[in-house]
Amino acid sequence: NDPFVMHAFGKTTHADVANIEMWSDVNAQFVQSIGKTIDGSKVGLGIRATRFSLYAQNGTIKCF
């Protein structure tokens, strides 16, 4: 999702209050680097992220 959607989602879910950062990856660069993609090209969506969560501390991914 784009940054605007992620911001709204963070507000709606109160993630902002819980100090949870919401990230967007509009060109799928990050999800490609961690192998969490699906190809939605057949329906006009291109490379997209699969559903996943991750845990990071001080910018280091601990698990996903």
N, C-alpha and C. Protein backbone atom coordinates (compact mmCIF):
# COMPACT_ATOMS: atom_id res chain seq x y z
N ASN A 1 0.82 -1.19 0.00
CA ASN A 1 0.00 0.00 0.00
C ASN A 1 0.87 1.25 0.00
N ASP A 2 0.29 2.33 -0.44
CA ASP A 2 1.03 3.59 -0.48
C ASP A 2 1.10 4.20 0.92
N PRO A 3 1.97 5.19 1.11
CA PRO A 3 2.15 5.80 2.43
C PRO A 3 0.87 6.37 3.03
N PHE A 4 -0.03 6.87 2.20
CA PHE A 4 -1.27 7.46 2.70
C PHE A 4 -2.19 6.39 3.29
N VAL A 5 -2.27 5.25 2.61
CA VAL A 5 -3.08 4.14 3.11
C VAL A 5 -2.49 3.61 4.42
N MET A 6 -1.17 3.46 4.46
CA MET A 6 -0.53 2.95 5.66
C MET A 6 -0.72 3.90 6.84
N HIS A 7 -0.67 5.19 6.58
CA HIS A 7 -0.89 6.18 7.64
C HIS A 7 -2.32 6.06 8.19
N ALA A 8 -3.29 5.96 7.28
CA ALA A 8 -4.68 5.83 7.70
C ALA A 8 -4.91 4.53 8.46
N PHE A 9 -4.29 3.44 7.99
CA PHE A 9 -4.43 2.15 8.66
C PHE A 9 -3.84 2.22 10.07
N GLY A 10 -2.69 2.87 10.21
CA GLY A 10 -2.07 3.05 11.52
C GLY A 10 -2.94 3.83 12.48
N LYS A 11 -3.59 4.87 11.97
CA LYS A 11 -4.51 5.67 12.80
C LYS A 11 -5.73 4.85 13.20
N THR A 12 -6.31 4.14 12.25
CA THR A 12 -7.53 3.36 12.50
C THR A 12 -7.29 2.25 13.51
N THR A 13 -6.14 1.62 13.43
CA THR A 13 -5.83 0.49 14.32
C THR A 13 -5.13 0.92 15.60
N HIS A 14 -4.87 2.22 15.73
CA HIS A 14 -4.16 2.80 16.87
C HIS A 14 -2.71 2.30 16.97
N ALA A 15 -2.16 1.86 15.85
CA ALA A 15 -0.76 1.44 15.83
C ALA A 15 0.14 2.62 16.17
N ASP A 16 -0.27 3.81 15.75
CA ASP A 16 0.53 5.00 16.04
C ASP A 16 0.65 5.24 17.54
N VAL A 17 -0.40 4.98 18.29
CA VAL A 17 -0.39 5.15 19.74
C VAL A 17 0.50 4.09 20.40
N ALA A 18 0.54 2.90 19.81
CA ALA A 18 1.34 1.80 20.34
C ALA A 18 2.79 1.87 19.86
N ASN A 19 3.15 2.94 19.16
CA ASN A 19 4.50 3.15 18.65
C ASN A 19 4.91 2.05 17.65
N ILE A 20 3.94 1.59 16.85
CA ILE A 20 4.21 0.63 15.79
C ILE A 20 4.33 1.40 14.48
N GLU A 21 5.44 1.22 13.79
CA GLU A 21 5.66 1.91 12.53
C GLU A 21 4.98 1.17 11.39
N MET A 22 4.32 1.91 10.53
CA MET A 22 3.66 1.36 9.35
C MET A 22 4.50 1.75 8.14
N TRP A 23 4.94 0.79 7.38
CA TRP A 23 5.80 1.06 6.21
C TRP A 23 5.07 0.77 4.92
N SER A 24 5.41 1.48 3.88
CA SER A 24 4.92 1.15 2.55
C SER A 24 6.13 0.77 1.70
N ASP A 25 5.88 -0.05 0.72
CA ASP A 25 6.93 -0.55 -0.18
C ASP A 25 6.36 -0.53 -1.59
N VAL A 26 6.12 0.68 -2.11
CA VAL A 26 5.36 0.84 -3.34
C VAL A 26 5.97 0.16 -4.56
N ASN A 27 7.28 -0.02 -4.60
CA ASN A 27 7.90 -0.70 -5.74
C ASN A 27 8.33 -2.14 -5.42
N ALA A 28 7.92 -2.64 -4.26
CA ALA A 28 8.17 -4.02 -3.81
C ALA A 28 9.66 -4.35 -3.65
N GLN A 29 10.49 -3.36 -3.53
CA GLN A 29 11.94 -3.60 -3.38
C GLN A 29 12.25 -4.37 -2.10
N PHE A 30 11.64 -3.97 -1.00
CA PHE A 30 11.92 -4.63 0.27
C PHE A 30 11.41 -6.07 0.28
N VAL A 31 10.13 -6.26 -0.12
CA VAL A 31 9.57 -7.61 -0.08
C VAL A 31 10.27 -8.57 -1.05
N GLN A 32 10.77 -8.04 -2.16
CA GLN A 32 11.55 -8.89 -3.06
C GLN A 32 12.84 -9.33 -2.37
N SER A 33 13.44 -8.45 -1.59
CA SER A 33 14.71 -8.78 -0.93
C SER A 33 14.55 -9.84 0.16
N ILE A 34 13.33 -9.97 0.71
CA ILE A 34 13.11 -10.99 1.74
C ILE A 34 12.28 -12.17 1.22
N GLY A 35 12.00 -12.18 -0.08
CA GLY A 35 11.31 -13.31 -0.69
C GLY A 35 9.84 -13.44 -0.34
N LYS A 36 9.17 -12.33 -0.11
CA LYS A 36 7.75 -12.36 0.27
C LYS A 36 6.88 -11.70 -0.81
N THR A 37 6.94 -12.23 -2.04
CA THR A 37 6.18 -11.64 -3.13
C THR A 37 5.28 -12.66 -3.81
N ILE A 38 4.26 -12.12 -4.48
CA ILE A 38 3.43 -12.89 -5.41
C ILE A 38 3.36 -12.09 -6.69
N ASP A 39 3.12 -12.77 -7.79
CA ASP A 39 3.02 -12.10 -9.09
C ASP A 39 1.55 -11.95 -9.46
N GLY A 40 1.07 -10.72 -9.41
CA GLY A 40 -0.31 -10.44 -9.76
C GLY A 40 -0.45 -9.85 -11.15
N SER A 41 0.56 -10.05 -12.00
CA SER A 41 0.57 -9.46 -13.34
C SER A 41 -0.62 -9.90 -14.19
N LYS A 42 -1.07 -11.12 -14.02
CA LYS A 42 -2.18 -11.63 -14.84
C LYS A 42 -3.47 -10.85 -14.61
N VAL A 43 -3.59 -10.20 -13.47
CA VAL A 43 -4.78 -9.40 -13.18
C VAL A 43 -4.45 -7.91 -13.07
N GLY A 44 -3.29 -7.52 -13.60
CA GLY A 44 -2.92 -6.10 -13.66
C GLY A 44 -2.33 -5.51 -12.40
N LEU A 45 -1.88 -6.35 -11.47
CA LEU A 45 -1.36 -5.82 -10.21
C LEU A 45 0.16 -5.82 -10.11
N GLY A 46 0.84 -6.57 -10.97
CA GLY A 46 2.30 -6.62 -10.91
C GLY A 46 2.79 -7.41 -9.70
N ILE A 47 4.03 -7.17 -9.31
CA ILE A 47 4.62 -7.84 -8.16
C ILE A 47 4.06 -7.21 -6.89
N ARG A 48 3.55 -8.03 -6.00
CA ARG A 48 2.93 -7.56 -4.76
C ARG A 48 3.51 -8.31 -3.57
N ALA A 49 3.31 -7.78 -2.40
CA ALA A 49 3.75 -8.45 -1.17
C ALA A 49 2.71 -9.49 -0.74
N THR A 50 3.20 -10.62 -0.24
CA THR A 50 2.32 -11.57 0.42
C THR A 50 2.02 -11.02 1.81
N ARG A 51 1.08 -11.61 2.49
CA ARG A 51 0.79 -11.20 3.87
C ARG A 51 1.88 -11.74 4.78
N PHE A 52 2.43 -10.88 5.59
CA PHE A 52 3.45 -11.30 6.55
C PHE A 52 3.57 -10.25 7.63
N SER A 53 4.21 -10.63 8.70
CA SER A 53 4.56 -9.66 9.74
C SER A 53 6.03 -9.86 10.04
N LEU A 54 6.62 -8.87 10.65
CA LEU A 54 8.01 -9.01 11.06
C LEU A 54 8.23 -8.30 12.37
N TYR A 55 9.25 -8.70 13.05
CA TYR A 55 9.63 -8.08 14.31
C TYR A 55 11.04 -7.53 14.13
N ALA A 56 11.22 -6.25 14.43
CA ALA A 56 12.54 -5.62 14.31
C ALA A 56 12.84 -4.84 15.57
N GLN A 57 14.13 -4.80 15.90
CA GLN A 57 14.62 -4.00 17.02
C GLN A 57 15.71 -3.11 16.49
N ASN A 58 15.57 -1.81 16.71
CA ASN A 58 16.58 -0.83 16.30
C ASN A 58 16.99 -1.01 14.84
N GLY A 59 16.00 -1.27 13.97
CA GLY A 59 16.26 -1.37 12.54
C GLY A 59 16.79 -2.72 12.07
N THR A 60 16.90 -3.69 12.96
CA THR A 60 17.36 -5.02 12.59
C THR A 60 16.20 -6.00 12.67
N ILE A 61 15.92 -6.71 11.57
CA ILE A 61 14.84 -7.68 11.55
C ILE A 61 15.27 -8.90 12.38
N LYS A 62 14.47 -9.22 13.38
CA LYS A 62 14.75 -10.36 14.25
C LYS A 62 14.07 -11.62 13.74
N CYS A 63 12.84 -11.48 13.24
CA CYS A 63 12.13 -12.64 12.66
C CYS A 63 10.99 -12.13 11.80
N PHE A 64 10.57 -12.97 10.85
CA PHE A 64 9.41 -12.69 10.01
C PHE A 64 8.83 -13.97 9.52
